[in-house]
PDB file of N, CA and C in Angstrom:
ATOM      1  N   UNK A   1       0.655  -1.188   0.156  1.00  0.00           N
ATOM      2  CA  UNK A   1       0.075   0.283  -0.239  1.00  0.00           C
ATOM      3  C   UNK A   1       0.901   1.207  -0.208  1.00  0.00           C
ATOM      4  N   UNK A   2       0.410   2.543  -0.785  1.00  0.00           N
ATOM      5  CA  UNK A   2       1.283   2.943  -0.918  1.00  0.00           C
ATOM      6  C   UNK A   2       0.676   4.426  -0.180  1.00  0.00           C
ATOM      7  N   UNK A   3       1.479   5.387   0.845  1.00  0.00           N
ATOM      8  CA  UNK A   3       1.394   6.195   1.759  1.00  0.00           C
ATOM      9  C   UNK A   3       0.775   7.385   1.376  1.00  0.00           C
ATOM     10  N   UNK A   4      -0.052   8.045   1.634  1.00  0.00           N
ATOM     11  CA  UNK A   4      -0.271   9.900   1.218  1.00  0.00           C
ATOM     12  C   UNK A   4       1.102  10.392   1.032  1.00  0.00           C
ATOM     13  N   UNK A   5       1.230  11.392  -0.429  1.00  0.00           N
ATOM     14  CA  UNK A   5       1.936  12.172  -0.348  1.00  0.00           C
ATOM     15  C   UNK A   5       2.441  13.237   0.754  1.00  0.00           C
ATOM     16  N   UNK A   6       3.403  13.444   1.001  1.00  0.00           N
ATOM     17  CA  UNK A   6       3.972  14.531   2.249  1.00  0.00           C
ATOM     18  C   UNK A   6       3.349  15.592   1.244  1.00  0.00           C
ATOM     19  N   UNK A   7       2.790  16.700   2.420  1.00  0.00           N
ATOM     20  CA  UNK A   7       2.627  17.889   2.434  1.00  0.00           C
ATOM     21  C   UNK A   7       3.934  18.648   2.129  1.00  0.00           C
ATOM     22  N   UNK A   8       4.038  19.650   1.263  1.00  0.00           N
ATOM     23  CA  UNK A   8       5.002  20.735   1.611  1.00  0.00           C
ATOM     24  C   UNK A   8       4.684  22.351   1.788  1.00  0.00           C
ATOM     25  N   UNK A   9       5.511  22.468   2.711  1.00  0.00           N
ATOM     26  CA  UNK A   9       5.439  24.185   2.993  1.00  0.00           C
ATOM     27  C   UNK A   9       6.476  24.765   3.256  1.00  0.00           C
ATOM     28  N   UNK A  10       6.533  26.308   3.628  1.00  0.00           N
ATOM     29  CA  UNK A  10       7.938  26.936   4.081  1.00  0.00           C
ATOM     30  C   UNK A  10       7.774  27.589   5.133  1.00  0.00           C
ATOM     31  N   UNK A  11       8.815  28.287   5.920  1.00  0.00           N
ATOM     32  CA  UNK A  11       9.047  29.071   6.985  1.00  0.00           C
ATOM     33  C   UNK A  11       9.965  30.125   6.446  1.00  0.00           C
ATOM     34  N   UNK A  12       9.879  31.272   7.890  1.00  0.00           N
ATOM     35  CA  UNK A  12      10.235  32.264   7.655  1.00  0.00           C
ATOM     36  C   UNK A  12      11.706  32.169   7.649  1.00  0.00           C
ATOM     37  N   UNK A  13      12.657  33.202   7.462  1.00  0.00           N
ATOM     38  CA  UNK A  13      14.434  33.086   7.396  1.00  0.00           C
ATOM     39  C   UNK A  13      14.671  32.861   8.732  1.00  0.00           C
ATOM     40  N   UNK A  14      13.887  33.472   9.917  1.00  0.00           N
ATOM     41  CA  UNK A  14      14.462  33.458  11.211  1.00  0.00           C
ATOM     42  C   UNK A  14      14.528  32.104  11.860  1.00  0.00           C
ATOM     43  N   UNK A  15      14.072  31.150  11.342  1.00  0.00           N
ATOM     44  CA  UNK A  15      13.921  29.977  11.838  1.00  0.00           C
ATOM     45  C   UNK A  15      14.977  29.511  11.111  1.00  0.00           C
ATOM     46  N   UNK A  16      14.980  29.743   9.478  1.00  0.00           N
ATOM     47  CA  UNK A  16      16.120  28.911   8.494  1.00  0.00           C
ATOM     48  C   UNK A  16      17.406  29.181   8.861  1.00  0.00           C
ATOM     49  N   UNK A  17      17.729  30.900   9.951  1.00  0.00           N
ATOM     50  CA  UNK A  17      18.999  31.179  10.147  1.00  0.00           C
ATOM     51  C   UNK A  17      19.885  30.028  11.384  1.00  0.00           C
ATOM     52  N   UNK A  18      18.657  29.817  12.083  1.00  0.00           N
ATOM     53  CA  UNK A  18      19.209  28.652  13.333  1.00  0.00           C
ATOM     54  C   UNK A  18      19.892  27.542  13.045  1.00  0.00           C
ATOM     55  N   UNK A  19      19.833  27.262  11.703  1.00  0.00           N
ATOM     56  CA  UNK A  19      19.944  25.887  10.864  1.00  0.00           C
ATOM     57  C   UNK A  19      21.495  25.847  11.412  1.00  0.00           C
ATOM     58  N   UNK A  20      22.413  26.896  10.648  1.00  0.00           N
ATOM     59  CA  UNK A  20      23.592  26.453  11.212  1.00  0.00           C
ATOM     60  C   UNK A  20      24.038  26.849  12.132  1.00  0.00           C
ATOM     61  N   UNK A  21      23.757  28.259  12.737  1.00  0.00           N
ATOM     62  CA  UNK A  21      24.008  28.719  14.170  1.00  0.00           C
ATOM     63  C   UNK A  21      23.635  27.476  15.322  1.00  0.00           C
ATOM     64  N   UNK A  22      22.329  27.093  15.389  1.00  0.00           N
ATOM     65  CA  UNK A  22      22.416  26.037  16.317  1.00  0.00           C
ATOM     66  C   UNK A  22      21.143  25.356  16.025  1.00  0.00           C
ATOM     67  N   UNK A  23      21.457  24.115  15.302  1.00  0.00           N
ATOM     68  CA  UNK A  23      20.659  23.122  15.095  1.00  0.00           C
ATOM     69  C   UNK A  23      19.858  22.761  15.816  1.00  0.00           C
ATOM     70  N   UNK A  24      20.152  22.475  17.076  1.00  0.00           N
ATOM     71  CA  UNK A  24      19.209  22.024  18.279  1.00  0.00           C
ATOM     72  C   UNK A  24      17.800  22.726  18.197  1.00  0.00           C
ATOM     73  N   UNK A  25      18.110  23.691  18.128  1.00  0.00           N
ATOM     74  CA  UNK A  25      17.054  25.123  18.334  1.00  0.00           C
ATOM     75  C   UNK A  25      16.314  24.979  17.003  1.00  0.00           C
ATOM     76  N   UNK A  26      17.164  24.853  16.100  1.00  0.00           N
ATOM     77  CA  UNK A  26      16.091  24.949  14.595  1.00  0.00           C
ATOM     78  C   UNK A  26      15.469  23.629  14.483  1.00  0.00           C
ATOM     79  N   UNK A  27      15.564  22.511  15.190  1.00  0.00           N
ATOM     80  CA  UNK A  27      14.626  21.363  15.203  1.00  0.00           C
ATOM     81  C   UNK A  27      13.483  21.622  16.368  1.00  0.00           C
ATOM     82  N   UNK A  28      14.102  22.395  17.167  1.00  0.00           N
ATOM     83  CA  UNK A  28      13.126  22.664  18.186  1.00  0.00           C
ATOM     84  C   UNK A  28      11.889  23.599  17.263  1.00  0.00           C
ATOM     85  N   UNK A  29      12.334  24.797  17.026  1.00  0.00           N
ATOM     86  CA  UNK A  29      11.686  26.136  16.214  1.00  0.00           C
ATOM     87  C   UNK A  29      10.713  25.415  15.414  1.00  0.00           C
ATOM     88  N   UNK A  30      11.478  24.557  14.834  1.00  0.00           N
ATOM     89  CA  UNK A  30      10.588  24.001  13.608  1.00  0.00           C
ATOM     90  C   UNK A  30       9.503  23.234  13.874  1.00  0.00           C
ATOM     91  N   UNK A  31       9.670  22.378  14.736  1.00  0.00           N
ATOM     92  CA  UNK A  31       8.408  21.289  15.270  1.00  0.00           C
ATOM     93  C   UNK A  31       7.615  22.308  15.549  1.00  0.00           C
ATOM     94  N   UNK A  32       7.766  23.001  16.711  1.00  0.00           N
ATOM     95  CA  UNK A  32       6.747  24.466  17.358  1.00  0.00           C
ATOM     96  C   UNK A  32       6.058  24.795  16.408  1.00  0.00           C
ATOM     97  N   UNK A  33       6.827  25.494  15.494  1.00  0.00           N
ATOM     98  CA  UNK A  33       6.031  26.090  13.860  1.00  0.00           C
ATOM     99  C   UNK A  33       5.099  25.649  13.230  1.00  0.00           C
ATOM    100  N   UNK A  34       5.680  24.327  13.203  1.00  0.00           N
ATOM    101  CA  UNK A  34       4.586  23.475  12.499  1.00  0.00           C
ATOM    102  C   UNK A  34       3.365  22.804  13.109  1.00  0.00           C
ATOM    103  N   UNK A  35       3.196  22.945  14.496  1.00  0.00           N
ATOM    104  CA  UNK A  35       2.621  22.247  15.615  1.00  0.00           C
ATOM    105  C   UNK A  35       1.771  23.636  15.643  1.00  0.00           C
ATOM    106  N   UNK A  36       1.649  24.580  15.233  1.00  0.00           N
ATOM    107  CA  UNK A  36       0.730  25.523  15.719  1.00  0.00           C
ATOM    108  C   UNK A  36       0.271  25.414  14.089  1.00  0.00           C
ATOM    109  N   UNK A  37       0.863  25.900  12.985  1.00  0.00           N
ATOM    110  CA  UNK A  37       0.483  26.311  12.069  1.00  0.00           C
ATOM    111  C   UNK A  37      -0.325  24.890  10.973  1.00  0.00           C
ATOM    112  N   UNK A  38       0.428  23.313  11.273  1.00  0.00           N
ATOM    113  CA  UNK A  38      -0.367  22.221  10.905  1.00  0.00           C
ATOM    114  C   UNK A  38      -0.860  21.318  12.001  1.00  0.00           C
ATOM    115  N   UNK A  39      -1.649  21.423  12.811  1.00  0.00           N
ATOM    116  CA  UNK A  39      -1.755  20.800  13.628  1.00  0.00           C
ATOM    117  C   UNK A  39      -2.097  19.434  13.259  1.00  0.00           C
ATOM    118  N   UNK A  40      -1.426  18.387  13.795  1.00  0.00           N
ATOM    119  CA  UNK A  40      -1.786  16.746  13.496  1.00  0.00           C
ATOM    120  C   UNK A  40      -0.875  16.439  12.242  1.00  0.00           C
ATOM    121  N   UNK A  41       0.000  16.888  11.787  1.00  0.00           N
ATOM    122  CA  UNK A  41       1.030  17.094  10.952  1.00  0.00           C
ATOM    123  C   UNK A  41       2.475  16.750  11.773  1.00  0.00           C
ATOM    124  N   UNK A  42       3.307  15.986  11.140  1.00  0.00           N
ATOM    125  CA  UNK A  42       4.894  15.792  11.608  1.00  0.00           C
ATOM    126  C   UNK A  42       5.371  16.015  10.560  1.00  0.00           C
ATOM    127  N   UNK A  43       6.531  16.869  11.013  1.00  0.00           N
ATOM    128  CA  UNK A  43       7.718  17.114  10.343  1.00  0.00           C
ATOM    129  C   UNK A  43       8.437  16.052   9.802  1.00  0.00           C
ATOM    130  N   UNK A  44       8.819  15.657   8.413  1.00  0.00           N
ATOM    131  CA  UNK A  44       9.489  14.474   8.096  1.00  0.00           C
ATOM    132  C   UNK A  44      10.775  14.666   7.551  1.00  0.00           C
ATOM    133  N   UNK A  45      10.787  16.083   6.940  1.00  0.00           N
ATOM    134  CA  UNK A  45      12.221  16.088   6.426  1.00  0.00           C
ATOM    135  C   UNK A  45      12.326  17.808   6.204  1.00  0.00           C
ATOM    136  N   UNK A  46      13.634  18.535   5.877  1.00  0.00           N
ATOM    137  CA  UNK A  46      13.458  19.617   5.405  1.00  0.00           C
ATOM    138  C   UNK A  46      14.836  19.562   4.602  1.00  0.00           C
ATOM    139  N   UNK A  47      14.308  20.469   3.697  1.00  0.00           N
ATOM    140  CA  UNK A  47      15.797  20.785   2.536  1.00  0.00           C
ATOM    141  C   UNK A  47      15.397  22.388   1.625  1.00  0.00           C
ATOM    142  N   UNK A  48      15.888  23.058   2.457  1.00  0.00           N
ATOM    143  CA  UNK A  48      15.716  24.589   2.096  1.00  0.00           C
ATOM    144  C   UNK A  48      15.397  24.553   0.648  1.00  0.00           C
ATOM    145  N   UNK A  49      14.340  25.346   0.607  1.00  0.00           N
ATOM    146  CA  UNK A  49      13.295  26.169   1.163  1.00  0.00           C
ATOM    147  C   UNK A  49      12.421  25.334   1.596  1.00  0.00           C
ATOM    148  N   UNK A  50      12.050  24.489   1.308  1.00  0.00           N
ATOM    149  CA  UNK A  50      10.526  23.320   1.620  1.00  0.00           C
ATOM    150  C   UNK A  50      10.998  22.387   2.816  1.00  0.00           C
ATOM    151  N   UNK A  51       9.878  22.524   3.383  1.00  0.00           N
ATOM    152  CA  UNK A  51       9.640  21.468   4.594  1.00  0.00           C
ATOM    153  C   UNK A  51       8.517  20.723   4.513  1.00  0.00           C
ATOM    154  N   UNK A  52       8.885  19.341   4.313  1.00  0.00           N
ATOM    155  CA  UNK A  52       7.660  17.963   4.217  1.00  0.00           C
ATOM    156  C   UNK A  52       7.187  17.667   5.087  1.00  0.00           C
ATOM    157  N   UNK A  53       6.062  17.515   5.190  1.00  0.00           N
ATOM    158  CA  UNK A  53       5.279  17.001   6.458  1.00  0.00           C
ATOM    159  C   UNK A  53       4.191  16.090   5.993  1.00  0.00           C
ATOM    160  N   UNK A  54       4.146  15.447   7.250  1.00  0.00           N
ATOM    161  CA  UNK A  54       3.043  14.101   6.943  1.00  0.00           C
ATOM    162  C   UNK A  54       1.574  14.282   7.632  1.00  0.00           C
ATOM    163  N   UNK A  55       0.745  14.083   7.197  1.00  0.00           N
ATOM    164  CA  UNK A  55      -0.531  14.336   7.987  1.00  0.00           C
ATOM    165  C   UNK A  55      -0.758  13.053   8.887  1.00  0.00           C
ATOM    166  N   UNK A  56      -0.961  13.325  10.027  1.00  0.00           N
ATOM    167  CA  UNK A  56      -1.072  12.145  11.088  1.00  0.00           C
ATOM    168  C   UNK A  56      -2.140  11.919  11.418  1.00  0.00           C
ATOM    169  N   UNK A  57      -3.555  12.906  11.049  1.00  0.00           N
ATOM    170  CA  UNK A  57      -4.471  13.233  11.365  1.00  0.00           C
ATOM    171  C   UNK A  57      -5.063  11.628  10.907  1.00  0.00           C
ATOM    172  N   UNK A  58      -6.181  11.359  11.897  1.00  0.00           N
ATOM    173  CA  UNK A  58      -7.452  10.221  11.346  1.00  0.00           C
ATOM    174  C   UNK A  58      -8.332  10.797  10.435  1.00  0.00           C
ATOM    175  N   UNK A  59      -8.262  10.053   9.339  1.00  0.00           N
ATOM    176  CA  UNK A  59      -9.203  10.293   8.293  1.00  0.00           C
ATOM    177  C   UNK A  59     -10.305   9.139   8.794  1.00  0.00           C
ATOM    178  N   UNK A  60     -11.417   9.967   8.309  1.00  0.00           N
ATOM    179  CA  UNK A  60     -13.021   8.900   8.995  1.00  0.00           C
ATOM    180  C   UNK A  60     -13.173   8.880   7.666  1.00  0.00           C
TER     181      UNK A  60
END
């Protein structure tokens, strides 16, 4: 069975700048940002400038 395709989104430069200066803070900020903007989705991969998200909400 093939899973659902990943969502693609972007985020602001403030968070991207953390990727080189503080990678752990970058991860925390990225997860927090998408927890607010896409509740029920999980960050799967980041590759500037795209963030790939998996929709974990239960389908009815």
